[in-house]
Amino acid sequence: MARGVRAAEPAASATVGLRGEEPQQRYLAFVASDPDGLYGLFADCTPGEGYGGLGRYAEADVPTPGTWPSFAAYLTAVADPLHDGRGFGTDTDVPGVLHQSLHWDDPRSPSEKAWEPFRG
């Protein structure tokens, strides 16, 4: 550093990590279960006990964290019904294919005629 020149002090607003400025909850949406993105899943990125867990969000509703404790638990919850061709828990919607995408629907009355049951 040149003689007589002082390094600039960082501005207070540039300081990272001030608790008063951090969001209390940090949710990252990563799955939309409808075309408009109003319903889906999110990852909890809030430091602490729930970090890494997955939850659900819905339009005009409070997000529900903790539906699955981890992404691995979510993948297991999806893989088992997908493999068995059944719904989640008591849900009657089963996996199928619609427009070359995975789409869960009621096989007795699919929402679109192009829907076909998944044959894994």
N, C-alpha and C. Protein backbone atom coordinates (compact mmCIF):
# COMPACT_ATOMS: atom_id res chain seq x y z
N MET A 1 0.85 -1.17 0.00
CA MET A 1 0.00 0.00 0.00
C MET A 1 0.89 1.24 0.00
N ALA A 2 0.50 2.23 -0.76
CA ALA A 2 1.29 3.46 -0.86
C ALA A 2 1.29 4.17 0.47
N ARG A 3 2.38 4.85 0.73
CA ARG A 3 2.54 5.57 1.99
C ARG A 3 1.52 6.69 2.08
N GLY A 4 0.83 6.76 3.22
CA GLY A 4 -0.12 7.82 3.47
C GLY A 4 -1.52 7.51 2.92
N VAL A 5 -1.69 6.35 2.28
CA VAL A 5 -3.00 5.99 1.74
C VAL A 5 -3.60 4.91 2.63
N ARG A 6 -4.81 5.15 3.09
CA ARG A 6 -5.47 4.19 3.97
C ARG A 6 -6.49 3.41 3.17
N ALA A 7 -6.64 2.14 3.51
CA ALA A 7 -7.67 1.31 2.86
C ALA A 7 -9.04 1.82 3.30
N ALA A 8 -9.96 1.83 2.39
CA ALA A 8 -11.32 2.29 2.70
C ALA A 8 -12.01 1.29 3.60
N GLU A 9 -12.72 1.78 4.58
CA GLU A 9 -13.50 0.93 5.46
C GLU A 9 -14.78 0.54 4.74
N PRO A 10 -15.23 -0.71 4.88
CA PRO A 10 -16.48 -1.10 4.23
C PRO A 10 -17.66 -0.33 4.83
N ALA A 11 -18.58 0.05 3.98
CA ALA A 11 -19.77 0.75 4.45
C ALA A 11 -20.61 -0.19 5.30
N ALA A 12 -21.33 0.34 6.25
CA ALA A 12 -22.16 -0.48 7.14
C ALA A 12 -23.18 -1.29 6.35
N SER A 13 -23.70 -0.73 5.27
CA SER A 13 -24.71 -1.44 4.48
C SER A 13 -24.10 -2.60 3.71
N ALA A 14 -22.77 -2.61 3.54
CA ALA A 14 -22.13 -3.70 2.80
C ALA A 14 -21.82 -4.89 3.71
N THR A 15 -21.96 -4.72 5.01
CA THR A 15 -21.68 -5.81 5.93
C THR A 15 -22.70 -6.91 5.77
N VAL A 16 -22.21 -8.12 5.61
CA VAL A 16 -23.08 -9.28 5.41
C VAL A 16 -23.29 -9.98 6.75
N GLY A 17 -24.49 -10.47 6.97
CA GLY A 17 -24.73 -11.28 8.15
C GLY A 17 -25.37 -10.56 9.32
N LEU A 18 -25.80 -9.35 9.13
CA LEU A 18 -26.50 -8.67 10.22
C LEU A 18 -27.82 -9.36 10.45
N ARG A 19 -28.07 -9.85 11.63
CA ARG A 19 -29.29 -10.62 11.93
C ARG A 19 -30.55 -9.83 11.63
N GLY A 20 -30.55 -8.55 11.88
CA GLY A 20 -31.73 -7.74 11.65
C GLY A 20 -32.11 -7.62 10.19
N GLU A 21 -31.16 -7.88 9.29
CA GLU A 21 -31.42 -7.75 7.86
C GLU A 21 -31.65 -9.10 7.18
N GLU A 22 -31.41 -10.20 7.86
CA GLU A 22 -31.59 -11.52 7.27
C GLU A 22 -33.05 -11.93 7.32
N PRO A 23 -33.51 -12.61 6.29
CA PRO A 23 -34.89 -13.13 6.36
C PRO A 23 -34.98 -14.20 7.44
N GLN A 24 -36.10 -14.26 8.11
CA GLN A 24 -36.27 -15.24 9.18
C GLN A 24 -36.43 -16.65 8.62
N GLN A 25 -37.02 -16.77 7.44
CA GLN A 25 -37.18 -18.06 6.79
C GLN A 25 -36.65 -17.95 5.38
N ARG A 26 -35.94 -18.98 4.96
CA ARG A 26 -35.38 -19.00 3.61
C ARG A 26 -35.89 -20.26 2.92
N TYR A 27 -36.83 -20.09 2.03
CA TYR A 27 -37.43 -21.21 1.31
C TYR A 27 -37.09 -21.10 -0.17
N LEU A 28 -36.68 -22.21 -0.77
CA LEU A 28 -36.34 -22.26 -2.19
C LEU A 28 -37.31 -23.20 -2.89
N ALA A 29 -38.24 -22.63 -3.67
CA ALA A 29 -39.20 -23.45 -4.41
C ALA A 29 -38.47 -24.19 -5.52
N PHE A 30 -38.75 -25.49 -5.67
CA PHE A 30 -38.08 -26.26 -6.71
C PHE A 30 -39.00 -27.19 -7.49
N VAL A 31 -40.23 -27.36 -7.07
CA VAL A 31 -41.20 -28.18 -7.81
C VAL A 31 -42.53 -27.43 -7.82
N ALA A 32 -43.09 -27.26 -9.00
CA ALA A 32 -44.44 -26.69 -9.12
C ALA A 32 -45.37 -27.81 -9.54
N SER A 33 -46.48 -27.95 -8.85
CA SER A 33 -47.40 -29.05 -9.17
C SER A 33 -48.58 -28.57 -10.00
N ASP A 34 -48.50 -27.34 -10.50
CA ASP A 34 -49.51 -26.83 -11.42
C ASP A 34 -48.82 -25.91 -12.42
N PRO A 35 -49.42 -25.68 -13.58
CA PRO A 35 -48.76 -24.88 -14.61
C PRO A 35 -48.45 -23.44 -14.20
N ASP A 36 -49.20 -22.88 -13.28
CA ASP A 36 -48.98 -21.50 -12.85
C ASP A 36 -47.97 -21.37 -11.72
N GLY A 37 -47.53 -22.48 -11.14
CA GLY A 37 -46.56 -22.44 -10.06
C GLY A 37 -47.11 -21.98 -8.74
N LEU A 38 -48.42 -22.09 -8.55
CA LEU A 38 -49.04 -21.63 -7.31
C LEU A 38 -49.03 -22.69 -6.21
N TYR A 39 -48.71 -23.91 -6.57
CA TYR A 39 -48.65 -25.02 -5.62
C TYR A 39 -47.39 -25.81 -5.89
N GLY A 40 -46.72 -26.27 -4.84
CA GLY A 40 -45.51 -27.04 -5.08
C GLY A 40 -44.73 -27.34 -3.82
N LEU A 41 -43.45 -27.59 -4.02
CA LEU A 41 -42.55 -27.98 -2.94
C LEU A 41 -41.41 -26.98 -2.83
N PHE A 42 -40.85 -26.87 -1.63
CA PHE A 42 -39.70 -26.00 -1.42
C PHE A 42 -38.71 -26.67 -0.48
N ALA A 43 -37.45 -26.25 -0.59
CA ALA A 43 -36.41 -26.68 0.33
C ALA A 43 -36.24 -25.59 1.38
N ASP A 44 -36.10 -26.01 2.63
CA ASP A 44 -35.89 -25.07 3.73
C ASP A 44 -34.39 -24.78 3.82
N CYS A 45 -34.00 -23.56 3.51
CA CYS A 45 -32.59 -23.14 3.54
C CYS A 45 -32.30 -22.28 4.77
N THR A 46 -33.22 -22.25 5.72
CA THR A 46 -33.05 -21.47 6.94
C THR A 46 -32.06 -22.21 7.85
N PRO A 47 -30.98 -21.55 8.29
CA PRO A 47 -30.06 -22.22 9.20
C PRO A 47 -30.80 -22.68 10.46
N GLY A 48 -30.47 -23.87 10.91
CA GLY A 48 -31.10 -24.39 12.12
C GLY A 48 -31.63 -25.79 11.94
N GLU A 49 -32.53 -26.16 12.81
CA GLU A 49 -33.04 -27.54 12.89
C GLU A 49 -33.71 -28.03 11.61
N GLY A 50 -34.46 -27.21 10.93
CA GLY A 50 -35.19 -27.65 9.75
C GLY A 50 -34.42 -27.58 8.45
N TYR A 51 -33.15 -27.14 8.52
CA TYR A 51 -32.34 -26.95 7.32
C TYR A 51 -32.28 -28.23 6.48
N GLY A 52 -32.58 -28.10 5.18
CA GLY A 52 -32.51 -29.23 4.27
C GLY A 52 -33.81 -29.99 4.13
N GLY A 53 -34.77 -29.70 4.99
CA GLY A 53 -36.06 -30.37 4.90
C GLY A 53 -36.88 -29.81 3.74
N LEU A 54 -37.88 -30.56 3.33
CA LEU A 54 -38.74 -30.13 2.24
C LEU A 54 -40.15 -29.90 2.76
N GLY A 55 -40.81 -28.92 2.19
CA GLY A 55 -42.17 -28.60 2.57
C GLY A 55 -43.02 -28.30 1.36
N ARG A 56 -44.28 -27.98 1.63
CA ARG A 56 -45.25 -27.68 0.57
C ARG A 56 -45.68 -26.22 0.67
N TYR A 57 -45.99 -25.65 -0.49
CA TYR A 57 -46.57 -24.31 -0.51
C TYR A 57 -47.82 -24.34 -1.38
N ALA A 58 -48.72 -23.43 -1.12
CA ALA A 58 -49.96 -23.32 -1.88
C ALA A 58 -50.39 -21.86 -1.90
N GLU A 59 -51.07 -21.48 -2.96
CA GLU A 59 -51.57 -20.12 -3.08
C GLU A 59 -52.44 -19.79 -1.87
N ALA A 60 -52.26 -18.60 -1.35
CA ALA A 60 -53.07 -18.07 -0.24
C ALA A 60 -53.05 -18.98 0.98
N ASP A 61 -51.92 -19.65 1.23
CA ASP A 61 -51.79 -20.50 2.40
C ASP A 61 -50.38 -20.32 2.96
N VAL A 62 -50.21 -20.58 4.22
CA VAL A 62 -48.91 -20.49 4.86
C VAL A 62 -48.08 -21.71 4.43
N PRO A 63 -46.81 -21.53 4.04
CA PRO A 63 -45.98 -22.69 3.67
C PRO A 63 -45.90 -23.69 4.83
N THR A 64 -45.87 -24.97 4.47
CA THR A 64 -45.82 -26.04 5.47
C THR A 64 -44.46 -26.72 5.40
N PRO A 65 -43.51 -26.31 6.25
CA PRO A 65 -42.19 -26.96 6.24
C PRO A 65 -42.24 -28.32 6.93
N GLY A 66 -41.23 -29.13 6.67
CA GLY A 66 -41.09 -30.39 7.39
C GLY A 66 -41.90 -31.54 6.87
N THR A 67 -42.42 -31.47 5.63
CA THR A 67 -43.17 -32.58 5.08
C THR A 67 -42.27 -33.79 4.91
N TRP A 68 -41.02 -33.56 4.46
CA TRP A 68 -40.00 -34.61 4.38
C TRP A 68 -38.75 -34.06 5.05
N PRO A 69 -38.04 -34.88 5.80
CA PRO A 69 -36.86 -34.38 6.52
C PRO A 69 -35.66 -34.08 5.61
N SER A 70 -35.67 -34.66 4.38
CA SER A 70 -34.54 -34.45 3.48
C SER A 70 -34.98 -34.72 2.05
N PHE A 71 -34.11 -34.34 1.11
CA PHE A 71 -34.39 -34.61 -0.29
C PHE A 71 -34.38 -36.11 -0.55
N ALA A 72 -33.50 -36.84 0.13
CA ALA A 72 -33.45 -38.30 -0.01
C ALA A 72 -34.77 -38.94 0.42
N ALA A 73 -35.35 -38.46 1.51
CA ALA A 73 -36.64 -38.99 1.98
C ALA A 73 -37.73 -38.70 0.96
N TYR A 74 -37.69 -37.52 0.35
CA TYR A 74 -38.67 -37.18 -0.70
C TYR A 74 -38.52 -38.12 -1.89
N LEU A 75 -37.28 -38.34 -2.34
CA LEU A 75 -37.06 -39.23 -3.49
C LEU A 75 -37.56 -40.64 -3.20
N THR A 76 -37.37 -41.12 -1.99
CA THR A 76 -37.88 -42.44 -1.61
C THR A 76 -39.40 -42.44 -1.63
N ALA A 77 -40.00 -41.36 -1.12
CA ALA A 77 -41.46 -41.27 -1.10
C ALA A 77 -42.04 -41.23 -2.51
N VAL A 78 -41.31 -40.70 -3.47
CA VAL A 78 -41.76 -40.66 -4.86
C VAL A 78 -41.43 -41.97 -5.58
N ALA A 79 -40.25 -42.50 -5.35
CA ALA A 79 -39.80 -43.69 -6.07
C ALA A 79 -40.65 -44.92 -5.76
N ASP A 80 -41.01 -45.12 -4.52
CA ASP A 80 -41.79 -46.32 -4.16
C ASP A 80 -43.16 -46.34 -4.84
N PRO A 81 -43.97 -45.28 -4.77
CA PRO A 81 -45.24 -45.29 -5.49
C PRO A 81 -45.06 -45.36 -7.02
N LEU A 82 -44.02 -44.70 -7.52
CA LEU A 82 -43.76 -44.73 -8.96
C LEU A 82 -43.46 -46.17 -9.41
N HIS A 83 -42.63 -46.85 -8.65
CA HIS A 83 -42.29 -48.24 -8.96
C HIS A 83 -43.50 -49.15 -8.86
N ASP A 84 -44.32 -48.93 -7.84
CA ASP A 84 -45.49 -49.79 -7.59
C ASP A 84 -46.73 -49.36 -8.37
N GLY A 85 -46.69 -48.18 -9.02
CA GLY A 85 -47.85 -47.69 -9.76
C GLY A 85 -49.02 -47.33 -8.88
N ARG A 86 -48.73 -46.75 -7.71
CA ARG A 86 -49.78 -46.39 -6.76
C ARG A 86 -49.61 -44.94 -6.33
N GLY A 87 -50.58 -44.44 -5.57
CA GLY A 87 -50.53 -43.07 -5.06
C GLY A 87 -49.74 -42.98 -3.77
N PHE A 88 -49.57 -41.75 -3.28
CA PHE A 88 -48.93 -41.49 -1.99
C PHE A 88 -49.94 -41.75 -0.88
N GLY A 89 -49.63 -42.60 0.05
CA GLY A 89 -50.51 -42.83 1.20
C GLY A 89 -51.92 -43.17 0.77
N THR A 90 -52.87 -42.28 1.12
CA THR A 90 -54.27 -42.54 0.79
C THR A 90 -54.69 -41.86 -0.51
N ASP A 91 -53.78 -41.20 -1.20
CA ASP A 91 -54.09 -40.51 -2.45
C ASP A 91 -54.40 -41.55 -3.54
N THR A 92 -55.45 -41.32 -4.30
CA THR A 92 -55.84 -42.25 -5.37
C THR A 92 -55.18 -41.92 -6.70
N ASP A 93 -54.53 -40.76 -6.82
CA ASP A 93 -53.82 -40.43 -8.05
C ASP A 93 -52.60 -41.34 -8.20
N VAL A 94 -52.40 -41.85 -9.41
CA VAL A 94 -51.28 -42.74 -9.69
C VAL A 94 -50.39 -42.10 -10.75
N PRO A 95 -49.14 -42.59 -10.87
CA PRO A 95 -48.24 -41.99 -11.85
C PRO A 95 -48.67 -42.32 -13.28
N GLY A 96 -48.51 -41.35 -14.14
CA GLY A 96 -48.81 -41.52 -15.55
C GLY A 96 -47.97 -40.58 -16.38
N VAL A 97 -48.19 -40.64 -17.68
CA VAL A 97 -47.44 -39.80 -18.61
C VAL A 97 -48.44 -38.92 -19.36
N LEU A 98 -48.15 -37.65 -19.40
CA LEU A 98 -48.98 -36.69 -20.12
C LEU A 98 -48.04 -35.71 -20.80
N HIS A 99 -48.10 -35.62 -22.12
CA HIS A 99 -47.23 -34.73 -22.90
C HIS A 99 -45.76 -34.98 -22.57
N GLN A 100 -45.38 -36.24 -22.51
CA GLN A 100 -44.00 -36.68 -22.26
C GLN A 100 -43.47 -36.26 -20.90
N SER A 101 -44.36 -36.04 -19.93
CA SER A 101 -43.98 -35.66 -18.58
C SER A 101 -44.68 -36.55 -17.57
N LEU A 102 -44.05 -36.75 -16.41
CA LEU A 102 -44.69 -37.48 -15.32
C LEU A 102 -45.84 -36.64 -14.78
N HIS A 103 -47.01 -37.26 -14.68
CA HIS A 103 -48.19 -36.55 -14.22
C HIS A 103 -49.04 -37.51 -13.39
N TRP A 104 -49.32 -37.15 -12.13
CA TRP A 104 -50.13 -37.98 -11.25
C TRP A 104 -51.60 -37.63 -11.46
N ASP A 105 -52.43 -38.64 -11.67
CA ASP A 105 -53.84 -38.38 -11.94
C ASP A 105 -54.68 -39.59 -11.51
N ASP A 106 -55.99 -39.39 -11.44
CA ASP A 106 -56.91 -40.47 -11.08
C ASP A 106 -57.14 -41.33 -12.33
N PRO A 107 -56.77 -42.61 -12.29
CA PRO A 107 -56.90 -43.46 -13.49
C PRO A 107 -58.36 -43.70 -13.89
N ARG A 108 -59.30 -43.53 -12.96
CA ARG A 108 -60.71 -43.73 -13.29
C ARG A 108 -61.27 -42.58 -14.11
N SER A 109 -60.72 -41.39 -13.94
CA SER A 109 -61.19 -40.24 -14.71
C SER A 109 -60.04 -39.24 -14.86
N PRO A 110 -59.09 -39.51 -15.75
CA PRO A 110 -57.96 -38.59 -15.94
C PRO A 110 -58.42 -37.21 -16.37
N SER A 111 -57.65 -36.21 -15.98
CA SER A 111 -58.01 -34.83 -16.30
C SER A 111 -57.87 -34.53 -17.80
N GLU A 112 -57.05 -35.30 -18.50
CA GLU A 112 -56.90 -35.14 -19.95
C GLU A 112 -56.88 -36.51 -20.61
N LYS A 113 -57.45 -36.60 -21.80
CA LYS A 113 -57.54 -37.88 -22.50
C LYS A 113 -56.17 -38.44 -22.87
N ALA A 114 -55.18 -37.59 -23.07
CA ALA A 114 -53.86 -38.04 -23.47
C ALA A 114 -53.09 -38.71 -22.34
N TRP A 115 -53.58 -38.63 -21.10
CA TRP A 115 -52.89 -39.24 -19.95
C TRP A 115 -52.90 -40.75 -20.08
N GLU A 116 -51.73 -41.37 -19.85
CA GLU A 116 -51.59 -42.83 -19.86
C GLU A 116 -50.91 -43.28 -18.58
N PRO A 117 -51.32 -44.41 -18.01
CA PRO A 117 -50.63 -44.92 -16.81
C PRO A 117 -49.16 -45.18 -17.07
N PHE A 118 -48.34 -44.91 -16.08
CA PHE A 118 -46.91 -45.14 -16.19
C PHE A 118 -46.63 -46.63 -16.11
N ARG A 119 -45.85 -47.11 -17.01
CA ARG A 119 -45.46 -48.53 -17.03
C ARG A 119 -43.95 -48.60 -16.84
N GLY A 120 -43.53 -48.66 -15.58
CA GLY A 120 -42.10 -48.63 -15.27
C GLY A 120 -41.50 -49.91 -15.22
